Amino acid sequence: MRQIYTSPRQENIDIVVALMAEHGIEATVANRSNYNRPTWKRFSYSQRQDDRSSWAQVWITRADDYTRARKLLLDLGIEPVIRYGEELAAARNPTPADRRARTVARVRRIVLLAVLAVLAVAMLRFLRMG
């Protein structure tokens, strides 16, 4: 089973599952919320939510159907879920803070290597003298 789509809106999940069934692709839904729960809240696209693990997810049951399902979603203009997609986007387009952090880490490594080299040279001199 592979995840192909996720959404906070149950209507979108139902449409994708119906589309897959229409084309003979077996799909299951995980994390489907119960509308009658007292903790159910209406989703808002204006609020920023970084945790998508609680959203409903459409999973393709057979691995052979995954490429067809992916093509169906792409034909509709929906980008299928990419595993580690957010991490890939962050690595491809780092923020200034990320670039600074990488530069600082690089400088620290260079300084550490320089200190180790000086210690190695001092140790060699000490061993030759003694």
Protein backbone atom coordinates (compact mmCIF):
# COMPACT_ATOMS: atom_id res chain seq x y z
CA MET A 1 0.00 0.00 0.00
CA ARG A 2 1.20 3.48 -0.86
CA GLN A 3 -0.25 6.82 0.07
CA ILE A 4 -1.36 8.90 -2.90
CA TYR A 5 -3.44 11.75 -1.50
CA THR A 6 -4.19 13.53 1.76
CA SER A 7 -6.63 16.29 2.60
CA PRO A 8 -8.29 17.80 5.66
CA ARG A 9 -11.61 17.88 3.77
CA GLN A 10 -13.62 14.66 3.72
CA GLU A 11 -15.36 15.67 0.49
CA ASN A 12 -12.03 15.71 -1.36
CA ILE A 13 -11.12 12.30 0.02
CA ASP A 14 -14.48 10.86 -1.07
CA ILE A 15 -14.06 12.29 -4.59
CA VAL A 16 -10.58 10.79 -4.98
CA VAL A 17 -11.74 7.38 -3.70
CA ALA A 18 -14.71 7.47 -6.11
CA LEU A 19 -12.40 8.40 -8.99
CA MET A 20 -10.11 5.48 -8.19
CA ALA A 21 -13.06 3.08 -7.94
CA GLU A 22 -14.41 4.36 -11.27
CA HIS A 23 -11.11 3.38 -12.93
CA GLY A 24 -10.89 0.00 -11.18
CA ILE A 25 -8.20 0.98 -8.71
CA GLU A 26 -8.68 -0.31 -5.18
CA ALA A 27 -8.11 2.41 -2.57
CA THR A 28 -8.54 2.61 1.20
CA VAL A 29 -8.86 5.58 3.50
CA ALA A 30 -6.86 6.02 6.70
CA ASN A 31 -7.35 8.61 9.45
CA ARG A 32 -10.96 9.27 8.47
CA SER A 33 -12.42 11.45 11.17
CA ASN A 34 -15.81 10.95 12.71
CA TYR A 35 -18.08 13.95 12.17
CA ASN A 36 -20.02 13.27 15.36
CA ARG A 37 -17.04 13.56 17.67
CA PRO A 38 -17.25 16.50 20.07
CA THR A 39 -13.66 17.46 19.18
CA TRP A 40 -14.38 17.81 15.46
CA LYS A 41 -13.48 21.25 14.12
CA ARG A 42 -14.11 22.73 10.74
CA PHE A 43 -10.88 23.04 8.74
CA SER A 44 -9.69 26.46 7.62
CA TYR A 45 -7.23 26.97 4.77
CA SER A 46 -6.34 30.38 6.22
CA GLN A 47 -4.87 28.80 9.36
CA ARG A 48 -1.38 27.43 8.95
CA GLN A 49 -1.15 23.76 9.92
CA ASP A 50 2.17 22.00 9.60
CA ASP A 51 1.03 18.66 11.01
CA ARG A 52 -0.67 16.73 8.22
CA SER A 53 -0.47 13.34 9.90
CA SER A 54 -4.00 13.68 11.30
CA TRP A 55 -5.55 14.42 7.88
CA ALA A 56 -7.48 11.72 6.05
CA GLN A 57 -5.27 9.79 3.62
CA VAL A 58 -6.04 7.81 0.46
CA TRP A 59 -3.87 4.72 0.08
CA ILE A 60 -3.63 2.60 -3.08
CA THR A 61 -3.95 -1.05 -2.09
CA ARG A 62 -2.07 -2.70 -4.98
CA ALA A 63 1.38 -1.39 -5.92
CA ASP A 64 0.72 -2.17 -9.60
CA ASP A 65 -2.10 0.41 -9.65
CA TYR A 66 -0.04 3.22 -8.15
CA THR A 67 1.31 4.64 -11.43
CA ARG A 68 -2.18 4.68 -12.98
CA ALA A 69 -3.62 6.38 -9.89
CA ARG A 70 -0.82 8.93 -9.92
CA LYS A 71 -1.47 9.67 -13.60
CA LEU A 72 -5.20 10.11 -12.90
CA LEU A 73 -4.48 12.68 -10.21
CA LEU A 74 -1.95 14.50 -12.39
CA ASP A 75 -4.49 14.65 -15.23
CA LEU A 76 -6.89 16.38 -12.83
CA GLY A 77 -4.21 18.85 -11.81
CA ILE A 78 -3.70 17.37 -8.35
CA GLU A 79 -0.14 16.77 -7.26
CA PRO A 80 0.05 13.34 -5.55
CA VAL A 81 1.70 13.07 -2.16
CA ILE A 82 5.47 12.82 -2.39
CA ARG A 83 7.18 11.08 0.48
CA TYR A 84 9.38 13.59 2.31
CA GLY A 85 8.12 16.32 -0.05
CA GLU A 86 8.46 19.14 2.47
CA GLU A 87 12.02 18.13 3.32
CA LEU A 88 12.90 18.03 -0.38
CA ALA A 89 11.44 21.50 -0.93
CA ALA A 90 13.34 22.87 2.07
CA ALA A 91 16.60 21.36 0.81
CA ARG A 92 16.09 22.76 -2.69
CA ASN A 93 15.09 26.25 -1.53
CA PRO A 94 16.82 26.93 1.80
CA THR A 95 15.79 29.94 3.82
CA PRO A 96 18.43 32.50 4.83
CA ALA A 97 18.39 31.04 8.36
CA ASP A 98 19.11 27.56 6.94
CA ARG A 99 21.97 28.91 4.84
CA ARG A 100 23.45 30.65 7.90
CA ALA A 101 23.18 27.47 9.96
CA ARG A 102 24.96 25.47 7.25
CA THR A 103 27.71 28.08 6.98
CA VAL A 104 28.21 28.09 10.75
CA ALA A 105 28.39 24.28 10.80
CA ARG A 106 30.93 24.32 7.96
CA VAL A 107 33.12 26.89 9.76
CA ARG A 108 32.97 24.85 12.98
CA ARG A 109 34.12 21.73 11.14
CA ILE A 110 37.00 23.60 9.50
CA VAL A 111 38.13 25.04 12.83
CA LEU A 112 37.88 21.61 14.47
CA LEU A 113 39.98 20.07 11.70
CA ALA A 114 42.56 22.86 12.04
CA VAL A 115 42.79 22.32 15.81
CA LEU A 116 43.18 18.56 15.30
CA ALA A 117 45.91 19.15 12.71
CA VAL A 118 47.82 21.46 15.09
CA LEU A 119 47.49 18.88 17.89
CA ALA A 120 48.75 16.12 15.57
CA VAL A 121 51.77 18.19 14.54
CA ALA A 122 52.52 19.03 18.20
CA MET A 123 52.21 15.35 19.16
CA LEU A 124 54.61 14.32 16.35
CA ARG A 125 57.15 16.93 17.47
CA PHE A 126 56.85 15.76 21.06
CA LEU A 127 57.40 12.12 20.03
CA ARG A 128 60.48 13.00 17.90
CA MET A 129 62.06 14.98 20.74
CA GLY A 130 61.52 12.33 23.39
